[in-house]
C-alpha atoms as a PDB file:
ATOM      1  CA  UNK A   1     -40.062  26.847  -8.885  1.00  0.00           C
ATOM      2  CA  UNK A   2     -37.924  23.659  -9.121  1.00  0.00           C
ATOM      3  CA  UNK A   3     -39.173  20.789 -10.530  1.00  0.00           C
ATOM      4  CA  UNK A   4     -38.932  17.734  -8.478  1.00  0.00           C
ATOM      5  CA  UNK A   5     -36.441  16.024 -10.386  1.00  0.00           C
ATOM      6  CA  UNK A   6     -34.055  19.039  -9.814  1.00  0.00           C
ATOM      7  CA  UNK A   7     -35.203  19.207  -6.271  1.00  0.00           C
ATOM      8  CA  UNK A   8     -34.127  14.917  -5.858  1.00  0.00           C
ATOM      9  CA  UNK A   9     -30.797  15.612  -7.349  1.00  0.00           C
ATOM     10  CA  UNK A  10     -30.341  18.446  -5.125  1.00  0.00           C
ATOM     11  CA  UNK A  11     -30.967  16.772  -2.099  1.00  0.00           C
ATOM     12  CA  UNK A  12     -29.529  12.931  -3.424  1.00  0.00           C
ATOM     13  CA  UNK A  13     -26.854  11.208  -1.225  1.00  0.00           C
ATOM     14  CA  UNK A  14     -23.164  11.132  -2.455  1.00  0.00           C
ATOM     15  CA  UNK A  15     -22.492   8.058  -3.865  1.00  0.00           C
ATOM     16  CA  UNK A  16     -18.693   7.877  -2.634  1.00  0.00           C
ATOM     17  CA  UNK A  17     -18.288   7.014   0.836  1.00  0.00           C
ATOM     18  CA  UNK A  18     -14.731   6.705   2.967  1.00  0.00           C
ATOM     19  CA  UNK A  19     -14.200   4.599   5.070  1.00  0.00           C
ATOM     20  CA  UNK A  20     -11.402   4.797   7.692  1.00  0.00           C
ATOM     21  CA  UNK A  21     -10.272   1.682   9.275  1.00  0.00           C
ATOM     22  CA  UNK A  22      -9.426   2.623  13.025  1.00  0.00           C
ATOM     23  CA  UNK A  23      -9.019   1.334  16.577  1.00  0.00           C
ATOM     24  CA  UNK A  24      -9.675   2.988  20.107  1.00  0.00           C
ATOM     25  CA  UNK A  25      -6.321   4.613  21.151  1.00  0.00           C
ATOM     26  CA  UNK A  26      -5.528   2.060  23.604  1.00  0.00           C
ATOM     27  CA  UNK A  27      -2.011   1.733  25.348  1.00  0.00           C
ATOM     28  CA  UNK A  28      -0.173  -1.139  23.882  1.00  0.00           C
ATOM     29  CA  UNK A  29      -2.973  -1.977  21.199  1.00  0.00           C
ATOM     30  CA  UNK A  30      -2.164   0.763  18.266  1.00  0.00           C
ATOM     31  CA  UNK A  31       1.385   1.239  16.749  1.00  0.00           C
ATOM     32  CA  UNK A  32       2.940  -1.455  18.267  1.00  0.00           C
ATOM     33  CA  UNK A  33       6.180  -1.445  16.286  1.00  0.00           C
ATOM     34  CA  UNK A  34       6.640   1.758  17.610  1.00  0.00           C
ATOM     35  CA  UNK A  35       6.393   1.081  21.298  1.00  0.00           C
ATOM     36  CA  UNK A  36      10.019  -0.479  21.273  1.00  0.00           C
ATOM     37  CA  UNK A  37      11.495   2.693  20.268  1.00  0.00           C
ATOM     38  CA  UNK A  38       8.977   5.341  22.451  1.00  0.00           C
ATOM     39  CA  UNK A  39       7.283   5.019  25.444  1.00  0.00           C
ATOM     40  CA  UNK A  40       3.950   4.027  25.285  1.00  0.00           C
ATOM     41  CA  UNK A  41       1.865   6.944  26.112  1.00  0.00           C
ATOM     42  CA  UNK A  42       3.485   8.762  23.786  1.00  0.00           C
ATOM     43  CA  UNK A  43       2.480   6.260  20.777  1.00  0.00           C
ATOM     44  CA  UNK A  44      -1.137   6.333  22.168  1.00  0.00           C
ATOM     45  CA  UNK A  45      -1.066   9.690  21.775  1.00  0.00           C
ATOM     46  CA  UNK A  46       0.306   9.493  18.448  1.00  0.00           C
ATOM     47  CA  UNK A  47      -2.345   6.945  17.056  1.00  0.00           C
ATOM     48  CA  UNK A  48      -4.833   9.590  18.571  1.00  0.00           C
ATOM     49  CA  UNK A  49      -3.563  12.588  16.562  1.00  0.00           C
ATOM     50  CA  UNK A  50      -2.945  10.937  13.187  1.00  0.00           C
ATOM     51  CA  UNK A  51      -6.545   8.771  13.683  1.00  0.00           C
ATOM     52  CA  UNK A  52      -8.318  12.711  14.337  1.00  0.00           C
ATOM     53  CA  UNK A  53      -6.037  14.287  11.269  1.00  0.00           C
ATOM     54  CA  UNK A  54      -7.338  11.765   9.195  1.00  0.00           C
ATOM     55  CA  UNK A  55     -10.724  11.935  10.341  1.00  0.00           C
ATOM     56  CA  UNK A  56     -10.321  15.736   9.531  1.00  0.00           C
ATOM     57  CA  UNK A  57      -8.528  14.796   6.286  1.00  0.00           C
ATOM     58  CA  UNK A  58     -11.700  12.857   5.280  1.00  0.00           C
ATOM     59  CA  UNK A  59     -14.302  15.227   6.166  1.00  0.00           C
ATOM     60  CA  UNK A  60     -12.132  18.178   3.903  1.00  0.00           C
ATOM     61  CA  UNK A  61     -13.496  16.001   0.588  1.00  0.00           C
ATOM     62  CA  UNK A  62     -16.744  17.194  -1.387  1.00  0.00           C
ATOM     63  CA  UNK A  63     -19.873  15.515  -1.700  1.00  0.00           C
ATOM     64  CA  UNK A  64     -18.228  12.287   0.522  1.00  0.00           C
ATOM     65  CA  UNK A  65     -19.826  10.624   3.162  1.00  0.00           C
ATOM     66  CA  UNK A  66     -17.320   9.723   6.180  1.00  0.00           C
ATOM     67  CA  UNK A  67     -17.636   6.795   8.214  1.00  0.00           C
ATOM     68  CA  UNK A  68     -15.299   4.388  10.915  1.00  0.00           C
ATOM     69  CA  UNK A  69     -15.011   0.817  10.858  1.00  0.00           C
ATOM     70  CA  UNK A  70     -13.644  -0.699  13.980  1.00  0.00           C
ATOM     71  CA  UNK A  71     -13.227  -4.122  15.856  1.00  0.00           C
ATOM     72  CA  UNK A  72     -16.588  -4.324  18.141  1.00  0.00           C
ATOM     73  CA  UNK A  73     -14.281  -3.984  21.078  1.00  0.00           C
ATOM     74  CA  UNK A  74     -13.340  -0.874  19.943  1.00  0.00           C
ATOM     75  CA  UNK A  75     -16.529   0.811  19.184  1.00  0.00           C
ATOM     76  CA  UNK A  76     -17.468   2.110  22.473  1.00  0.00           C
ATOM     77  CA  UNK A  77     -13.917   3.916  22.981  1.00  0.00           C
ATOM     78  CA  UNK A  78     -14.274   5.401  19.648  1.00  0.00           C
ATOM     79  CA  UNK A  79     -17.698   6.700  20.445  1.00  0.00           C
ATOM     80  CA  UNK A  80     -16.582   8.202  23.382  1.00  0.00           C
ATOM     81  CA  UNK A  81     -13.647   9.821  21.141  1.00  0.00           C
ATOM     82  CA  UNK A  82     -15.128  10.882  18.317  1.00  0.00           C
ATOM     83  CA  UNK A  83     -18.535  11.432  19.521  1.00  0.00           C
ATOM     84  CA  UNK A  84     -21.513  11.655  16.841  1.00  0.00           C
ATOM     85  CA  UNK A  85     -19.388  13.636  14.293  1.00  0.00           C
ATOM     86  CA  UNK A  86     -18.924  10.134  12.524  1.00  0.00           C
ATOM     87  CA  UNK A  87     -21.063   6.923  11.942  1.00  0.00           C
ATOM     88  CA  UNK A  88     -18.759   4.377  13.346  1.00  0.00           C
ATOM     89  CA  UNK A  89     -19.267   0.795  12.353  1.00  0.00           C
ATOM     90  CA  UNK A  90     -18.199  -2.419  14.155  1.00  0.00           C
ATOM     91  CA  UNK A  91     -16.889  -4.885  11.929  1.00  0.00           C
ATOM     92  CA  UNK A  92     -18.128  -8.328  11.498  1.00  0.00           C
ATOM     93  CA  UNK A  93     -15.100 -10.755  12.543  1.00  0.00           C
ATOM     94  CA  UNK A  94     -11.519 -10.411  13.593  1.00  0.00           C
ATOM     95  CA  UNK A  95      -8.817  -8.916  12.231  1.00  0.00           C
ATOM     96  CA  UNK A  96      -8.107  -6.548   9.479  1.00  0.00           C
ATOM     97  CA  UNK A  97      -9.202  -9.013   6.552  1.00  0.00           C
ATOM     98  CA  UNK A  98     -12.553  -9.183   8.090  1.00  0.00           C
ATOM     99  CA  UNK A  99     -12.473  -5.396   8.589  1.00  0.00           C
ATOM    100  CA  UNK A 100     -12.020  -5.048   4.761  1.00  0.00           C
ATOM    101  CA  UNK A 101     -14.767  -7.415   3.634  1.00  0.00           C
ATOM    102  CA  UNK A 102     -16.960  -5.722   6.306  1.00  0.00           C
ATOM    103  CA  UNK A 103     -16.899  -2.356   4.687  1.00  0.00           C
ATOM    104  CA  UNK A 104     -17.825  -3.006   1.188  1.00  0.00           C
ATOM    105  CA  UNK A 105     -20.300  -5.407   2.782  1.00  0.00           C
ATOM    106  CA  UNK A 106     -21.929  -2.522   4.648  1.00  0.00           C
ATOM    107  CA  UNK A 107     -21.198   0.069   2.252  1.00  0.00           C
ATOM    108  CA  UNK A 108     -21.688  -0.823  -1.135  1.00  0.00           C
ATOM    109  CA  UNK A 109     -25.530  -1.720  -1.158  1.00  0.00           C
ATOM    110  CA  UNK A 110     -26.354   1.279  -2.895  1.00  0.00           C
ATOM    111  CA  UNK A 111     -26.412   1.596  -6.749  1.00  0.00           C
ATOM    112  CA  UNK A 112     -23.278   2.973  -8.189  1.00  0.00           C
ATOM    113  CA  UNK A 113     -21.759   3.287  -4.804  1.00  0.00           C
ATOM    114  CA  UNK A 114     -18.192   4.073  -4.867  1.00  0.00           C
ATOM    115  CA  UNK A 115     -16.306   3.106  -1.458  1.00  0.00           C
ATOM    116  CA  UNK A 116     -12.797   3.344  -0.383  1.00  0.00           C
ATOM    117  CA  UNK A 117     -11.504   1.855   2.799  1.00  0.00           C
ATOM    118  CA  UNK A 118      -8.450   4.170   4.210  1.00  0.00           C
ATOM    119  CA  UNK A 119      -6.115   3.753   6.897  1.00  0.00           C
ATOM    120  CA  UNK A 120      -5.851   5.889   9.653  1.00  0.00           C
ATOM    121  CA  UNK A 121      -1.971   6.941   9.772  1.00  0.00           C
ATOM    122  CA  UNK A 122      -1.961   8.665   6.577  1.00  0.00           C
ATOM    123  CA  UNK A 123      -3.538  12.483   7.280  1.00  0.00           C
ATOM    124  CA  UNK A 124      -0.744  13.863   5.556  1.00  0.00           C
ATOM    125  CA  UNK A 125      -1.639  12.730   2.386  1.00  0.00           C
ATOM    126  CA  UNK A 126      -2.933  15.379  -0.223  1.00  0.00           C
ATOM    127  CA  UNK A 127      -6.766  15.342  -0.408  1.00  0.00           C
ATOM    128  CA  UNK A 128      -6.306  15.226  -4.409  1.00  0.00           C
ATOM    129  CA  UNK A 129      -5.131  11.664  -4.184  1.00  0.00           C
ATOM    130  CA  UNK A 130      -8.312  10.570  -2.187  1.00  0.00           C
ATOM    131  CA  UNK A 131     -10.823  12.281  -4.795  1.00  0.00           C
ATOM    132  CA  UNK A 132      -8.598  10.533  -8.091  1.00  0.00           C
ATOM    133  CA  UNK A 133      -8.806   7.059  -5.919  1.00  0.00           C
ATOM    134  CA  UNK A 134     -12.867   7.832  -6.321  1.00  0.00           C
ATOM    135  CA  UNK A 135     -12.290   8.910  -9.893  1.00  0.00           C
ATOM    136  CA  UNK A 136     -10.533   5.744 -10.719  1.00  0.00           C
ATOM    137  CA  UNK A 137     -13.608   3.717  -9.600  1.00  0.00           C
ATOM    138  CA  UNK A 138     -15.702   5.059 -12.350  1.00  0.00           C
ATOM    139  CA  UNK A 139     -14.080   2.887 -14.929  1.00  0.00           C
ATOM    140  CA  UNK A 140     -12.124   0.438 -12.616  1.00  0.00           C
ATOM    141  CA  UNK A 141     -13.608  -2.382 -10.362  1.00  0.00           C
ATOM    142  CA  UNK A 142     -11.243  -1.571  -7.882  1.00  0.00           C
ATOM    143  CA  UNK A 143      -8.290   0.827  -6.720  1.00  0.00           C
ATOM    144  CA  UNK A 144      -5.488   0.429  -5.053  1.00  0.00           C
ATOM    145  CA  UNK A 145      -3.234   2.778  -3.201  1.00  0.00           C
ATOM    146  CA  UNK A 146       0.311   1.240  -2.843  1.00  0.00           C
ATOM    147  CA  UNK A 147       2.574   1.770  -0.107  1.00  0.00           C
ATOM    148  CA  UNK A 148       6.056   1.986  -0.169  1.00  0.00           C
ATOM    149  CA  UNK A 149       7.032  -0.945   1.914  1.00  0.00           C
ATOM    150  CA  UNK A 150       4.952  -3.316  -0.193  1.00  0.00           C
ATOM    151  CA  UNK A 151       1.283  -2.887   1.354  1.00  0.00           C
ATOM    152  CA  UNK A 152      -1.280  -0.364   0.717  1.00  0.00           C
ATOM    153  CA  UNK A 153      -2.829   2.977   2.251  1.00  0.00           C
ATOM    154  CA  UNK A 154      -6.188   2.500   0.713  1.00  0.00           C
ATOM    155  CA  UNK A 155      -8.302  -0.213  -1.691  1.00  0.00           C
ATOM    156  CA  UNK A 156     -11.620   0.833  -3.024  1.00  0.00           C
ATOM    157  CA  UNK A 157     -14.168  -1.022  -4.756  1.00  0.00           C
ATOM    158  CA  UNK A 158     -18.215  -0.688  -6.087  1.00  0.00           C
ATOM    159  CA  UNK A 159     -19.249  -4.391  -4.362  1.00  0.00           C
ATOM    160  CA  UNK A 160     -18.216  -7.040  -2.482  1.00  0.00           C
ATOM    161  CA  UNK A 161     -15.617  -9.380  -3.687  1.00  0.00           C
ATOM    162  CA  UNK A 162     -15.397 -12.331  -0.595  1.00  0.00           C
ATOM    163  CA  UNK A 163     -12.322 -13.700  -1.483  1.00  0.00           C
ATOM    164  CA  UNK A 164     -10.274 -10.567  -2.036  1.00  0.00           C
ATOM    165  CA  UNK A 165      -8.942  -9.881   1.335  1.00  0.00           C
ATOM    166  CA  UNK A 166      -8.293 -13.553   2.681  1.00  0.00           C
ATOM    167  CA  UNK A 167      -5.786 -13.212   4.901  1.00  0.00           C
ATOM    168  CA  UNK A 168      -4.463 -10.154   3.944  1.00  0.00           C
ATOM    169  CA  UNK A 169      -3.241  -6.885   5.845  1.00  0.00           C
ATOM    170  CA  UNK A 170      -2.681  -3.177   4.526  1.00  0.00           C
ATOM    171  CA  UNK A 171       0.478  -2.856   6.253  1.00  0.00           C
ATOM    172  CA  UNK A 172       2.545  -6.153   5.809  1.00  0.00           C
ATOM    173  CA  UNK A 173       5.373  -6.445   3.321  1.00  0.00           C
ATOM    174  CA  UNK A 174       3.305  -8.754   0.495  1.00  0.00           C
ATOM    175  CA  UNK A 175       0.302  -7.308   0.949  1.00  0.00           C
ATOM    176  CA  UNK A 176       0.148  -5.430  -2.254  1.00  0.00           C
ATOM    177  CA  UNK A 177       1.071  -8.661  -4.149  1.00  0.00           C
ATOM    178  CA  UNK A 178      -1.399 -10.949  -2.939  1.00  0.00           C
ATOM    179  CA  UNK A 179      -3.797  -8.533  -3.148  1.00  0.00           C
ATOM    180  CA  UNK A 180      -2.872  -7.870  -6.790  1.00  0.00           C
ATOM    181  CA  UNK A 181      -2.844 -11.656  -7.416  1.00  0.00           C
ATOM    182  CA  UNK A 182      -6.478 -11.932  -6.387  1.00  0.00           C
ATOM    183  CA  UNK A 183      -7.814  -9.062  -8.724  1.00  0.00           C
ATOM    184  CA  UNK A 184      -5.821 -10.890 -11.594  1.00  0.00           C
ATOM    185  CA  UNK A 185      -7.617 -14.380 -10.276  1.00  0.00           C
ATOM    186  CA  UNK A 186     -11.074 -12.542  -9.761  1.00  0.00           C
ATOM    187  CA  UNK A 187     -10.965 -10.747 -13.437  1.00  0.00           C
ATOM    188  CA  UNK A 188     -10.970  -7.496 -11.672  1.00  0.00           C
ATOM    189  CA  UNK A 189     -10.034  -4.735 -13.613  1.00  0.00           C
ATOM    190  CA  UNK A 190      -7.460  -2.491 -10.844  1.00  0.00           C
ATOM    191  CA  UNK A 191      -6.162   0.933 -11.053  1.00  0.00           C
ATOM    192  CA  UNK A 192      -3.883   2.770  -8.762  1.00  0.00           C
ATOM    193  CA  UNK A 193      -3.418   6.030  -6.733  1.00  0.00           C
ATOM    194  CA  UNK A 194       0.274   7.280  -6.366  1.00  0.00           C
ATOM    195  CA  UNK A 195       2.678   5.524  -3.848  1.00  0.00           C
ATOM    196  CA  UNK A 196       2.905   6.902  -0.694  1.00  0.00           C
ATOM    197  CA  UNK A 197       4.141   5.980   3.006  1.00  0.00           C
ATOM    198  CA  UNK A 198       2.035   5.247   5.994  1.00  0.00           C
ATOM    199  CA  UNK A 199       3.426   5.145   9.753  1.00  0.00           C
ATOM    200  CA  UNK A 200       4.506   2.157  10.878  1.00  0.00           C
ATOM    201  CA  UNK A 201       8.166   2.186  11.738  1.00  0.00           C
ATOM    202  CA  UNK A 202      10.602   4.853  13.169  1.00  0.00           C
ATOM    203  CA  UNK A 203      11.695   5.598   9.791  1.00  0.00           C
ATOM    204  CA  UNK A 204       8.231   6.607   8.818  1.00  0.00           C
ATOM    205  CA  UNK A 205       7.897   8.717  11.774  1.00  0.00           C
ATOM    206  CA  UNK A 206      10.977  10.756  10.613  1.00  0.00           C
ATOM    207  CA  UNK A 207      10.208  11.120   7.313  1.00  0.00           C
ATOM    208  CA  UNK A 208       6.641  12.836   8.598  1.00  0.00           C
ATOM    209  CA  UNK A 209       8.461  14.883  11.137  1.00  0.00           C
ATOM    210  CA  UNK A 210      10.736  16.324   8.316  1.00  0.00           C
ATOM    211  CA  UNK A 211       7.206  16.762   5.918  1.00  0.00           C
ATOM    212  CA  UNK A 212       5.110  18.631   8.872  1.00  0.00           C
ATOM    213  CA  UNK A 213       8.084  20.777  10.344  1.00  0.00           C
ATOM    214  CA  UNK A 214       7.533  22.324   6.521  1.00  0.00           C
ATOM    215  CA  UNK A 215       3.801  22.260   6.532  1.00  0.00           C
ATOM    216  CA  UNK A 216       2.261  21.635   9.813  1.00  0.00           C
ATOM    217  CA  UNK A 217      -1.156  22.188   8.494  1.00  0.00           C
ATOM    218  CA  UNK A 218      -1.409  18.978   6.615  1.00  0.00           C
ATOM    219  CA  UNK A 219      -1.739  17.080   9.849  1.00  0.00           C
ATOM    220  CA  UNK A 220      -1.863  19.961  12.833  1.00  0.00           C
ATOM    221  CA  UNK A 221      -2.553  17.546  15.573  1.00  0.00           C
ATOM    222  CA  UNK A 222       0.393  15.187  14.515  1.00  0.00           C
ATOM    223  CA  UNK A 223       2.441  18.236  14.545  1.00  0.00           C
ATOM    224  CA  UNK A 224       1.574  19.334  17.631  1.00  0.00           C
ATOM    225  CA  UNK A 225       2.454  15.561  19.120  1.00  0.00           C
ATOM    226  CA  UNK A 226       6.150  16.295  17.656  1.00  0.00           C
ATOM    227  CA  UNK A 227       6.255  19.151  20.094  1.00  0.00           C
ATOM    228  CA  UNK A 228       4.805  17.704  22.716  1.00  0.00           C
ATOM    229  CA  UNK A 229       7.138  14.584  22.843  1.00  0.00           C
ATOM    230  CA  UNK A 230      10.127  16.358  21.731  1.00  0.00           C
ATOM    231  CA  UNK A 231      12.283  14.973  24.505  1.00  0.00           C
ATOM    232  CA  UNK A 232      11.796  11.379  23.369  1.00  0.00           C
ATOM    233  CA  UNK A 233      11.551  11.922  19.708  1.00  0.00           C
ATOM    234  CA  UNK A 234      15.054  13.387  19.715  1.00  0.00           C
ATOM    235  CA  UNK A 235      16.264  10.471  21.536  1.00  0.00           C
ATOM    236  CA  UNK A 236      14.983   8.558  18.933  1.00  0.00           C
ATOM    237  CA  UNK A 237      16.416  10.505  15.788  1.00  0.00           C
ATOM    238  CA  UNK A 238      19.688  10.426  17.463  1.00  0.00           C
ATOM    239  CA  UNK A 239      19.822   6.474  18.288  1.00  0.00           C
ATOM    240  CA  UNK A 240      18.959   6.367  14.294  1.00  0.00           C
ATOM    241  CA  UNK A 241      22.209   8.979  13.509  1.00  0.00           C
ATOM    242  CA  UNK A 242      19.185  11.497  12.108  1.00  0.00           C
ATOM    243  CA  UNK A 243      20.750  14.159  13.869  1.00  0.00           C
END
């Protein structure tokens, strides 16, 4: 017969939470920098595929609680899309900085809780990178996943630091520098995962197409999107001289 302490260990909740920063896939409201190059329905469908593949990536991790943080106005739309497969939390306040603050206020309440906010458009990231981000938080106050364009695709912490994200956006070119400036001012030890790319502009999409052509299982819904919108995407590549 198991002791009560053994039983508690078996059923104790994970102390690792991955929160996907998401929006409802509404036309003209997601991936707006791609709309000038692709039809709006294609961009909306792309975002939905990226989000669903990112959620599948998150759920592939072991001993990790998965949740979604979104603007209040998007909660109902995401609930319709995702059903009851994941906890969906409406952020307090407007904008991405408010959303990031909401993540850590909401999810770091538990003792020793390690929380990572992850963007919704990097389903092609290796699961081992997310695991390593949680491990980095064992010895550091903050973990950051830099993007090649000067932003970051994930940020994690074990506590709320209200001034950490003032005015920041994960996809902007100076976001990483501003974040690291604040970690220094707050005297927070910071670790890093490997640099990566998310899907913001057409060149990112072209890189993703090449990657998924070789390994479609990384993000199967997104890989299928390239087939469905092949003609529009081919015109885009031709305009950029990529054929």
